[in-house]
Amino acid sequence: MSASQYLVKELRWTREVLGLTQEAWGERIHFSAKHVGAVERGERAALPDYLASVDRAFGTALMEFYRMFVTEELVPVWYRPFVEHEGRASLLRVYHPLLVPGILQTEAYARAVLQGYRFQPDTVDAMLATRLGRQEILRRRPDPCRLVAVLDEGVLHRRVGDAEVMRDQLKALVAACEQPHVRVQVVPFDAGAYVGLNGPLVLASVEGRSVGFLEGYLEGRLVESPEATTELEGAWEAIRDYALPGNQSLELIMRTAEKWT
């Protein structure tokens, strides 16, 4: 039995031990009975927002189990070392020239991305749960991870899903920046050629040192040596130099969101 299958079994067992119907359980955690049933039948992934609601309502520790076992099960072996660093990071610096970074994706946008990558339909829900689960570090208490994300303006205009998905995603970026530990900036089209066109990068600050990750078609590359991470930090600063200030970036995002009608 996989960790994700065990988690679903534990959810159903907990509800039955408490003597609650799916309707009553759903009322307690603020999800519909239909949603509860789909999770318990394995038709819908148990996403972090669902598990967190269960933990709050019933004092369980399902999110902890999810982070320790389910995430590891679903993350590719070559990506697990960076995910471990990311989970302990005090600061994430993220740049992407083509997509909203996973750490800021809405569920609908993330689903459209994964479907666009042509993954098997029966694996998309599990991968989606893993991707959204990693966003928990931004809600970690009492010390949420600080995030600075830089996007190319093309990200705002590249259709991922339908217009509603795009509009909601861009509004979610603006809403995320209402938190004092999250900042999003945009490199405008008129910046011309810049070093960020080489591809996405992530830098995680973990216990006083930086760890980098570079995406690739087959496998990503973990960057840990001081010399290499220093070079990546230089690239990051060069990219950010081209970005609009925070307020101007948010204004651009909001204007573009209104165009997705």
C-alpha atoms as a PDB file:
ATOM      1  CA  MET A   1       0.000   0.000   0.000  1.00  0.00           C
ATOM      2  CA  SER A   2       1.378   3.404  -0.973  1.00  0.00           C
ATOM      3  CA  ALA A   3       1.548   6.333   1.436  1.00  0.00           C
ATOM      4  CA  SER A   4      -1.177   8.184  -0.471  1.00  0.00           C
ATOM      5  CA  GLN A   5      -3.464   5.125  -0.341  1.00  0.00           C
ATOM      6  CA  TYR A   6      -2.810   4.786   3.392  1.00  0.00           C
ATOM      7  CA  LEU A   7      -3.687   8.448   3.884  1.00  0.00           C
ATOM      8  CA  VAL A   8      -7.064   7.992   2.187  1.00  0.00           C
ATOM      9  CA  LYS A   9      -7.729   4.892   4.313  1.00  0.00           C
ATOM     10  CA  GLU A  10      -6.850   6.850   7.470  1.00  0.00           C
ATOM     11  CA  LEU A  11      -9.228   9.660   6.517  1.00  0.00           C
ATOM     12  CA  ARG A  12     -12.107   7.262   6.016  1.00  0.00           C
ATOM     13  CA  TRP A  13     -11.271   5.326   9.216  1.00  0.00           C
ATOM     14  CA  THR A  14     -11.137   8.519  11.289  1.00  0.00           C
ATOM     15  CA  ARG A  15     -14.527   9.642  10.020  1.00  0.00           C
ATOM     16  CA  GLU A  16     -16.109   6.248  10.742  1.00  0.00           C
ATOM     17  CA  VAL A  17     -14.585   6.009  14.234  1.00  0.00           C
ATOM     18  CA  LEU A  18     -16.089   9.407  15.032  1.00  0.00           C
ATOM     19  CA  GLY A  19     -19.443   8.145  13.796  1.00  0.00           C
ATOM     20  CA  LEU A  20     -19.848  10.895  11.222  1.00  0.00           C
ATOM     21  CA  THR A  21     -21.543  10.642   7.863  1.00  0.00           C
ATOM     22  CA  GLN A  22     -19.787  12.149   4.869  1.00  0.00           C
ATOM     23  CA  GLU A  23     -22.234  15.048   5.083  1.00  0.00           C
ATOM     24  CA  ALA A  24     -21.491  15.699   8.765  1.00  0.00           C
ATOM     25  CA  TRP A  25     -17.759  15.335   8.211  1.00  0.00           C
ATOM     26  CA  GLY A  26     -17.943  17.776   5.318  1.00  0.00           C
ATOM     27  CA  GLU A  27     -19.806  20.320   7.421  1.00  0.00           C
ATOM     28  CA  ARG A  28     -17.101  20.176  10.096  1.00  0.00           C
ATOM     29  CA  ILE A  29     -14.260  20.730   7.632  1.00  0.00           C
ATOM     30  CA  HIS A  30     -16.203  23.063   5.271  1.00  0.00           C
ATOM     31  CA  PHE A  31     -16.106  20.767   2.238  1.00  0.00           C
ATOM     32  CA  SER A  32     -19.062  19.272   0.395  1.00  0.00           C
ATOM     33  CA  ALA A  33     -20.148  15.682   0.969  1.00  0.00           C
ATOM     34  CA  LYS A  34     -19.479  15.102  -2.732  1.00  0.00           C
ATOM     35  CA  HIS A  35     -15.884  16.249  -2.256  1.00  0.00           C
ATOM     36  CA  VAL A  36     -15.472  14.028   0.818  1.00  0.00           C
ATOM     37  CA  GLY A  37     -16.785  11.013  -1.042  1.00  0.00           C
ATOM     38  CA  ALA A  38     -14.504  11.619  -4.027  1.00  0.00           C
ATOM     39  CA  VAL A  39     -11.472  11.777  -1.724  1.00  0.00           C
ATOM     40  CA  GLU A  40     -12.427   8.604   0.109  1.00  0.00           C
ATOM     41  CA  ARG A  41     -12.960   6.711  -3.162  1.00  0.00           C
ATOM     42  CA  GLY A  42      -9.594   7.860  -4.465  1.00  0.00           C
ATOM     43  CA  GLU A  43     -11.225   9.803  -7.279  1.00  0.00           C
ATOM     44  CA  ARG A  44      -9.863  13.104  -6.011  1.00  0.00           C
ATOM     45  CA  ALA A  45      -6.521  13.750  -4.343  1.00  0.00           C
ATOM     46  CA  ALA A  46      -6.444  14.733  -0.675  1.00  0.00           C
ATOM     47  CA  LEU A  47      -4.912  18.160  -1.184  1.00  0.00           C
ATOM     48  CA  PRO A  48      -3.182  20.160   1.561  1.00  0.00           C
ATOM     49  CA  ASP A  49      -6.130  22.520   2.113  1.00  0.00           C
ATOM     50  CA  TYR A  50      -8.389  19.513   2.755  1.00  0.00           C
ATOM     51  CA  LEU A  51      -5.909  17.854   5.123  1.00  0.00           C
ATOM     52  CA  ALA A  52      -5.255  21.089   6.993  1.00  0.00           C
ATOM     53  CA  SER A  53      -8.997  21.510   7.525  1.00  0.00           C
ATOM     54  CA  VAL A  54      -9.243  17.980   8.917  1.00  0.00           C
ATOM     55  CA  ASP A  55      -6.319  18.658  11.273  1.00  0.00           C
ATOM     56  CA  ARG A  56      -7.942  21.862  12.539  1.00  0.00           C
ATOM     57  CA  ALA A  57     -11.339  20.256  13.037  1.00  0.00           C
ATOM     58  CA  PHE A  58     -10.262  16.992  14.650  1.00  0.00           C
ATOM     59  CA  GLY A  59      -6.760  17.534  16.047  1.00  0.00           C
ATOM     60  CA  THR A  60      -5.151  15.024  13.692  1.00  0.00           C
ATOM     61  CA  ALA A  61      -1.649  15.295  12.209  1.00  0.00           C
ATOM     62  CA  LEU A  62      -2.386  14.341   8.616  1.00  0.00           C
ATOM     63  CA  MET A  63      -0.449  17.238   7.095  1.00  0.00           C
ATOM     64  CA  GLU A  64       2.651  16.076   8.950  1.00  0.00           C
ATOM     65  CA  PHE A  65       2.161  12.565   7.546  1.00  0.00           C
ATOM     66  CA  TYR A  66       1.625  14.077   4.105  1.00  0.00           C
ATOM     67  CA  ARG A  67       4.865  16.070   4.257  1.00  0.00           C
ATOM     68  CA  MET A  68       6.908  13.164   5.604  1.00  0.00           C
ATOM     69  CA  PHE A  69       5.650  10.328   3.414  1.00  0.00           C
ATOM     70  CA  VAL A  70       3.278  11.275   0.605  1.00  0.00           C
ATOM     71  CA  THR A  71       5.413  14.100  -0.777  1.00  0.00           C
ATOM     72  CA  GLU A  72       8.503  11.886  -0.872  1.00  0.00           C
ATOM     73  CA  GLU A  73       6.541   9.159  -2.631  1.00  0.00           C
ATOM     74  CA  LEU A  74       5.391  11.444  -5.439  1.00  0.00           C
ATOM     75  CA  VAL A  75       8.510  13.581  -5.986  1.00  0.00           C
ATOM     76  CA  PRO A  76      11.085  12.276  -8.515  1.00  0.00           C
ATOM     77  CA  VAL A  77      14.210  10.880  -6.866  1.00  0.00           C
ATOM     78  CA  TRP A  78      16.442  13.482  -8.496  1.00  0.00           C
ATOM     79  CA  TYR A  79      14.269  16.335  -7.141  1.00  0.00           C
ATOM     80  CA  ARG A  80      13.910  15.124  -3.540  1.00  0.00           C
ATOM     81  CA  PRO A  81      17.178  16.651  -2.239  1.00  0.00           C
ATOM     82  CA  PHE A  82      16.105  20.134  -3.299  1.00  0.00           C
ATOM     83  CA  VAL A  83      12.560  19.670  -1.975  1.00  0.00           C
ATOM     84  CA  GLU A  84      14.087  18.814   1.408  1.00  0.00           C
ATOM     85  CA  HIS A  85      16.150  22.013   1.315  1.00  0.00           C
ATOM     86  CA  GLU A  86      13.113  23.996   0.178  1.00  0.00           C
ATOM     87  CA  GLY A  87      11.059  22.718   3.106  1.00  0.00           C
ATOM     88  CA  ARG A  88      13.627  24.146   5.545  1.00  0.00           C
ATOM     89  CA  ALA A  89      14.347  27.371   3.676  1.00  0.00           C
ATOM     90  CA  SER A  90      14.026  30.750   5.325  1.00  0.00           C
ATOM     91  CA  LEU A  91      14.094  32.509   1.927  1.00  0.00           C
ATOM     92  CA  LEU A  92      13.277  31.408  -1.616  1.00  0.00           C
ATOM     93  CA  ARG A  93      14.350  33.424  -4.633  1.00  0.00           C
ATOM     94  CA  VAL A  94      12.584  32.157  -7.742  1.00  0.00           C
ATOM     95  CA  TYR A  95      12.750  33.208 -11.361  1.00  0.00           C
ATOM     96  CA  HIS A  96      10.755  31.819 -14.276  1.00  0.00           C
ATOM     97  CA  PRO A  97      10.546  33.182 -17.827  1.00  0.00           C
ATOM     98  CA  LEU A  98       7.610  31.041 -19.038  1.00  0.00           C
ATOM     99  CA  LEU A  99       5.289  30.011 -16.191  1.00  0.00           C
ATOM    100  CA  VAL A 100       4.078  31.117 -12.785  1.00  0.00           C
ATOM    101  CA  PRO A 101       6.401  29.245 -10.392  1.00  0.00           C
ATOM    102  CA  GLY A 102       4.840  26.230  -8.703  1.00  0.00           C
ATOM    103  CA  ILE A 103       5.139  27.843  -5.283  1.00  0.00           C
ATOM    104  CA  LEU A 104       2.561  30.464  -6.418  1.00  0.00           C
ATOM    105  CA  GLN A 105       0.330  28.424  -8.735  1.00  0.00           C
ATOM    106  CA  THR A 106      -3.394  28.088  -8.125  1.00  0.00           C
ATOM    107  CA  GLU A 107      -4.884  24.602  -8.246  1.00  0.00           C
ATOM    108  CA  ALA A 108      -6.519  25.238 -11.643  1.00  0.00           C
ATOM    109  CA  TYR A 109      -3.356  26.725 -13.171  1.00  0.00           C
ATOM    110  CA  ALA A 110      -1.195  23.893 -11.810  1.00  0.00           C
ATOM    111  CA  ARG A 111      -3.608  21.307 -13.186  1.00  0.00           C
ATOM    112  CA  ALA A 112      -3.503  22.948 -16.619  1.00  0.00           C
ATOM    113  CA  VAL A 113       0.316  22.949 -16.540  1.00  0.00           C
ATOM    114  CA  LEU A 114       0.495  19.254 -15.654  1.00  0.00           C
ATOM    115  CA  GLN A 115      -2.087  18.349 -18.271  1.00  0.00           C
ATOM    116  CA  GLY A 116      -0.109  20.354 -20.808  1.00  0.00           C
ATOM    117  CA  TYR A 117       2.946  18.259 -19.990  1.00  0.00           C
ATOM    118  CA  ARG A 118       0.833  15.232 -21.063  1.00  0.00           C
ATOM    119  CA  PHE A 119       1.177  13.250 -17.879  1.00  0.00           C
ATOM    120  CA  GLN A 120      -1.134  10.277 -17.528  1.00  0.00           C
ATOM    121  CA  PRO A 121      -4.543  11.462 -16.248  1.00  0.00           C
ATOM    122  CA  ASP A 122      -4.461   9.077 -13.276  1.00  0.00           C
ATOM    123  CA  THR A 123      -1.209  10.627 -12.043  1.00  0.00           C
ATOM    124  CA  VAL A 124      -2.144  14.294 -12.394  1.00  0.00           C
ATOM    125  CA  ASP A 125      -4.129  14.504  -9.132  1.00  0.00           C
ATOM    126  CA  ALA A 126      -1.283  12.990  -7.127  1.00  0.00           C
ATOM    127  CA  MET A 127       1.287  15.300  -8.717  1.00  0.00           C
ATOM    128  CA  LEU A 128      -1.023  18.251  -8.155  1.00  0.00           C
ATOM    129  CA  ALA A 129      -1.324  17.406  -4.467  1.00  0.00           C
ATOM    130  CA  THR A 130       2.447  17.313  -4.154  1.00  0.00           C
ATOM    131  CA  ARG A 131       2.934  20.620  -5.935  1.00  0.00           C
ATOM    132  CA  LEU A 132       0.324  22.444  -3.857  1.00  0.00           C
ATOM    133  CA  GLY A 133       1.592  20.798  -0.670  1.00  0.00           C
ATOM    134  CA  ARG A 134       4.967  22.452  -1.132  1.00  0.00           C
ATOM    135  CA  GLN A 135       3.253  25.836  -0.829  1.00  0.00           C
ATOM    136  CA  GLU A 136       2.719  25.157   2.860  1.00  0.00           C
ATOM    137  CA  ILE A 137       6.112  26.696   3.656  1.00  0.00           C
ATOM    138  CA  LEU A 138       4.567  30.104   2.902  1.00  0.00           C
ATOM    139  CA  ARG A 139       1.941  29.465   5.601  1.00  0.00           C
ATOM    140  CA  ARG A 140       4.343  27.935   8.093  1.00  0.00           C
ATOM    141  CA  ARG A 141       3.995  29.340  11.579  1.00  0.00           C
ATOM    142  CA  PRO A 142       5.555  31.121  13.339  1.00  0.00           C
ATOM    143  CA  ASP A 143       8.250  31.572  10.675  1.00  0.00           C
ATOM    144  CA  PRO A 144       6.857  31.436   7.133  1.00  0.00           C
ATOM    145  CA  CYS A 145       9.389  31.229   4.361  1.00  0.00           C
ATOM    146  CA  ARG A 146      10.073  34.558   2.679  1.00  0.00           C
ATOM    147  CA  LEU A 147       9.588  34.493  -1.080  1.00  0.00           C
ATOM    148  CA  VAL A 148      10.822  36.792  -3.816  1.00  0.00           C
ATOM    149  CA  ALA A 149       9.608  35.725  -7.249  1.00  0.00           C
ATOM    150  CA  VAL A 150      10.549  37.352 -10.529  1.00  0.00           C
ATOM    151  CA  LEU A 151       8.557  36.585 -13.686  1.00  0.00           C
ATOM    152  CA  ASP A 152       8.979  37.588 -17.276  1.00  0.00           C
ATOM    153  CA  GLU A 153       6.017  39.614 -18.545  1.00  0.00           C
ATOM    154  CA  GLY A 154       5.343  36.859 -21.065  1.00  0.00           C
ATOM    155  CA  VAL A 155       4.121  34.692 -18.173  1.00  0.00           C
ATOM    156  CA  LEU A 156       1.172  37.057 -17.730  1.00  0.00           C
ATOM    157  CA  HIS A 157       0.126  36.669 -21.361  1.00  0.00           C
ATOM    158  CA  ARG A 158       0.801  32.968 -21.989  1.00  0.00           C
ATOM    159  CA  ARG A 159      -2.547  31.183 -21.862  1.00  0.00           C
ATOM    160  CA  VAL A 160      -2.456  28.274 -19.434  1.00  0.00           C
ATOM    161  CA  GLY A 161      -5.922  26.757 -19.167  1.00  0.00           C
ATOM    162  CA  ASP A 162      -8.710  29.138 -20.143  1.00  0.00           C
ATOM    163  CA  ALA A 163      -9.207  32.856 -19.565  1.00  0.00           C
ATOM    164  CA  GLU A 164     -10.790  32.301 -16.167  1.00  0.00           C
ATOM    165  CA  VAL A 165      -7.823  30.242 -15.006  1.00  0.00           C
ATOM    166  CA  MET A 166      -5.453  32.995 -16.098  1.00  0.00           C
ATOM    167  CA  ARG A 167      -7.482  35.797 -14.516  1.00  0.00           C
ATOM    168  CA  ASP A 168      -7.746  33.930 -11.219  1.00  0.00           C
ATOM    169  CA  GLN A 169      -4.041  33.088 -11.269  1.00  0.00           C
ATOM    170  CA  LEU A 170      -2.966  36.675 -11.809  1.00  0.00           C
ATOM    171  CA  LYS A 171      -5.306  37.877  -9.083  1.00  0.00           C
ATOM    172  CA  ALA A 172      -3.839  35.214  -6.805  1.00  0.00           C
ATOM    173  CA  LEU A 173      -0.362  36.636  -7.434  1.00  0.00           C
ATOM    174  CA  VAL A 174      -1.551  40.061  -6.305  1.00  0.00           C
ATOM    175  CA  ALA A 175      -3.295  38.577  -3.264  1.00  0.00           C
ATOM    176  CA  ALA A 176      -0.144  36.658  -2.301  1.00  0.00           C
ATOM    177  CA  CYS A 177       1.768  39.938  -2.133  1.00  0.00           C
ATOM    178  CA  GLU A 178      -0.584  41.174   0.572  1.00  0.00           C
ATOM    179  CA  GLN A 179       1.470  38.987   2.865  1.00  0.00           C
ATOM    180  CA  PRO A 180       4.559  40.844   4.119  1.00  0.00           C
ATOM    181  CA  HIS A 181       6.862  37.904   3.380  1.00  0.00           C
ATOM    182  CA  VAL A 182       5.910  37.545  -0.312  1.00  0.00           C
ATOM    183  CA  ARG A 183       7.077  39.777  -3.156  1.00  0.00           C
ATOM    184  CA  VAL A 184       6.500  39.365  -6.900  1.00  0.00           C
ATOM    185  CA  GLN A 185       8.241  41.428  -9.579  1.00  0.00           C
ATOM    186  CA  VAL A 186       7.940  41.409 -13.351  1.00  0.00           C
ATOM    187  CA  VAL A 187      10.560  41.901 -16.041  1.00  0.00           C
ATOM    188  CA  PRO A 188       8.748  43.949 -18.725  1.00  0.00           C
ATOM    189  CA  PHE A 189       8.852  43.163 -22.442  1.00  0.00           C
ATOM    190  CA  ASP A 190      10.832  46.314 -23.155  1.00  0.00           C
ATOM    191  CA  ALA A 191      13.741  45.004 -21.071  1.00  0.00           C
ATOM    192  CA  GLY A 192      14.976  43.310 -24.239  1.00  0.00           C
ATOM    193  CA  ALA A 193      17.555  40.524 -23.958  1.00  0.00           C
ATOM    194  CA  TYR A 194      18.728  39.675 -20.447  1.00  0.00           C
ATOM    195  CA  VAL A 195      20.396  36.803 -18.635  1.00  0.00           C
ATOM    196  CA  GLY A 196      17.059  35.343 -17.458  1.00  0.00           C
ATOM    197  CA  LEU A 197      16.334  34.125 -20.978  1.00  0.00           C
ATOM    198  CA  ASN A 198      18.731  31.263 -20.226  1.00  0.00           C
ATOM    199  CA  GLY A 199      15.975  29.623 -18.158  1.00  0.00           C
ATOM    200  CA  PRO A 200      14.393  29.348 -14.705  1.00  0.00           C
ATOM    201  CA  LEU A 201      16.304  29.160 -11.452  1.00  0.00           C
ATOM    202  CA  VAL A 202      15.611  28.815  -7.742  1.00  0.00           C
ATOM    203  CA  LEU A 203      17.800  29.737  -4.779  1.00  0.00           C
ATOM    204  CA  ALA A 204      16.914  28.501  -1.297  1.00  0.00           C
ATOM    205  CA  SER A 205      18.564  30.004   1.785  1.00  0.00           C
ATOM    206  CA  VAL A 206      18.987  27.185   4.284  1.00  0.00           C
ATOM    207  CA  GLU A 207      20.799  27.536   7.591  1.00  0.00           C
ATOM    208  CA  GLY A 208      23.088  30.308   6.413  1.00  0.00           C
ATOM    209  CA  ARG A 209      23.930  28.937   2.968  1.00  0.00           C
ATOM    210  CA  SER A 210      22.385  28.976  -0.493  1.00  0.00           C
ATOM    211  CA  VAL A 211      21.268  25.942  -2.478  1.00  0.00           C
ATOM    212  CA  GLY A 212      20.247  26.305  -6.103  1.00  0.00           C
ATOM    213  CA  PHE A 213      18.175  24.327  -8.559  1.00  0.00           C
ATOM    214  CA  LEU A 214      18.068  24.542 -12.345  1.00  0.00           C
ATOM    215  CA  GLU A 215      15.276  22.872 -14.311  1.00  0.00           C
ATOM    216  CA  GLY A 216      15.963  20.598 -17.274  1.00  0.00           C
ATOM    217  CA  TYR A 217      14.050  18.521 -19.806  1.00  0.00           C
ATOM    218  CA  LEU A 218      15.089  15.178 -18.295  1.00  0.00           C
ATOM    219  CA  GLU A 219      16.351  15.954 -14.815  1.00  0.00           C
ATOM    220  CA  GLY A 220      16.992  19.116 -12.857  1.00  0.00           C
ATOM    221  CA  ARG A 221      20.374  20.062 -11.448  1.00  0.00           C
ATOM    222  CA  LEU A 222      21.014  20.645  -7.761  1.00  0.00           C
ATOM    223  CA  VAL A 223      23.649  23.338  -7.167  1.00  0.00           C
ATOM    224  CA  GLU A 224      25.391  23.268  -3.780  1.00  0.00           C
ATOM    225  CA  SER A 225      29.021  24.297  -4.163  1.00  0.00           C
ATOM    226  CA  PRO A 226      29.779  27.806  -2.838  1.00  0.00           C
ATOM    227  CA  GLU A 227      31.376  28.826  -6.126  1.00  0.00           C
ATOM    228  CA  ALA A 228      28.397  27.763  -8.224  1.00  0.00           C
ATOM    229  CA  THR A 229      25.764  29.210  -5.885  1.00  0.00           C
ATOM    230  CA  THR A 230      27.658  32.510  -5.832  1.00  0.00           C
ATOM    231  CA  GLU A 231      27.490  32.548  -9.619  1.00  0.00           C
ATOM    232  CA  LEU A 232      23.752  31.810  -9.506  1.00  0.00           C
ATOM    233  CA  GLU A 233      23.213  34.608  -7.003  1.00  0.00           C
ATOM    234  CA  GLY A 234      24.959  36.944  -9.429  1.00  0.00           C
ATOM    235  CA  ALA A 235      22.609  35.796 -12.203  1.00  0.00           C
ATOM    236  CA  TRP A 236      19.626  36.312  -9.902  1.00  0.00           C
ATOM    237  CA  GLU A 237      20.664  39.877  -9.080  1.00  0.00           C
ATOM    238  CA  ALA A 238      21.253  40.614 -12.772  1.00  0.00           C
ATOM    239  CA  ILE A 239      17.733  39.369 -13.575  1.00  0.00           C
ATOM    240  CA  ARG A 240      16.167  41.368 -10.769  1.00  0.00           C
ATOM    241  CA  ASP A 241      17.889  44.512 -11.995  1.00  0.00           C
ATOM    242  CA  TYR A 242      15.654  44.335 -15.078  1.00  0.00           C
ATOM    243  CA  ALA A 243      12.441  43.873 -13.062  1.00  0.00           C
ATOM    244  CA  LEU A 244       9.941  46.610 -12.302  1.00  0.00           C
ATOM    245  CA  PRO A 245       9.643  47.702  -8.647  1.00  0.00           C
ATOM    246  CA  GLY A 246       7.052  45.855  -6.572  1.00  0.00           C
ATOM    247  CA  ASN A 247       4.179  48.356  -6.891  1.00  0.00           C
ATOM    248  CA  GLN A 248       4.652  48.802 -10.636  1.00  0.00           C
ATOM    249  CA  SER A 249       4.838  45.025 -11.061  1.00  0.00           C
ATOM    250  CA  LEU A 250       1.547  44.526  -9.222  1.00  0.00           C
ATOM    251  CA  GLU A 251      -0.120  47.253 -11.289  1.00  0.00           C
ATOM    252  CA  LEU A 252       1.003  45.495 -14.465  1.00  0.00           C
ATOM    253  CA  ILE A 253      -0.276  42.154 -13.189  1.00  0.00           C
ATOM    254  CA  MET A 254      -3.665  43.657 -12.272  1.00  0.00           C
ATOM    255  CA  ARG A 255      -4.032  45.401 -15.647  1.00  0.00           C
ATOM    256  CA  THR A 256      -3.234  42.166 -17.457  1.00  0.00           C
ATOM    257  CA  ALA A 257      -5.654  40.190 -15.270  1.00  0.00           C
ATOM    258  CA  GLU A 258      -8.495  42.447 -16.426  1.00  0.00           C
ATOM    259  CA  LYS A 259      -7.686  41.604 -20.051  1.00  0.00           C
ATOM    260  CA  TRP A 260      -8.355  37.919 -19.415  1.00  0.00           C
ATOM    261  CA  THR A 261     -12.126  38.088 -19.838  1.00  0.00           C
END
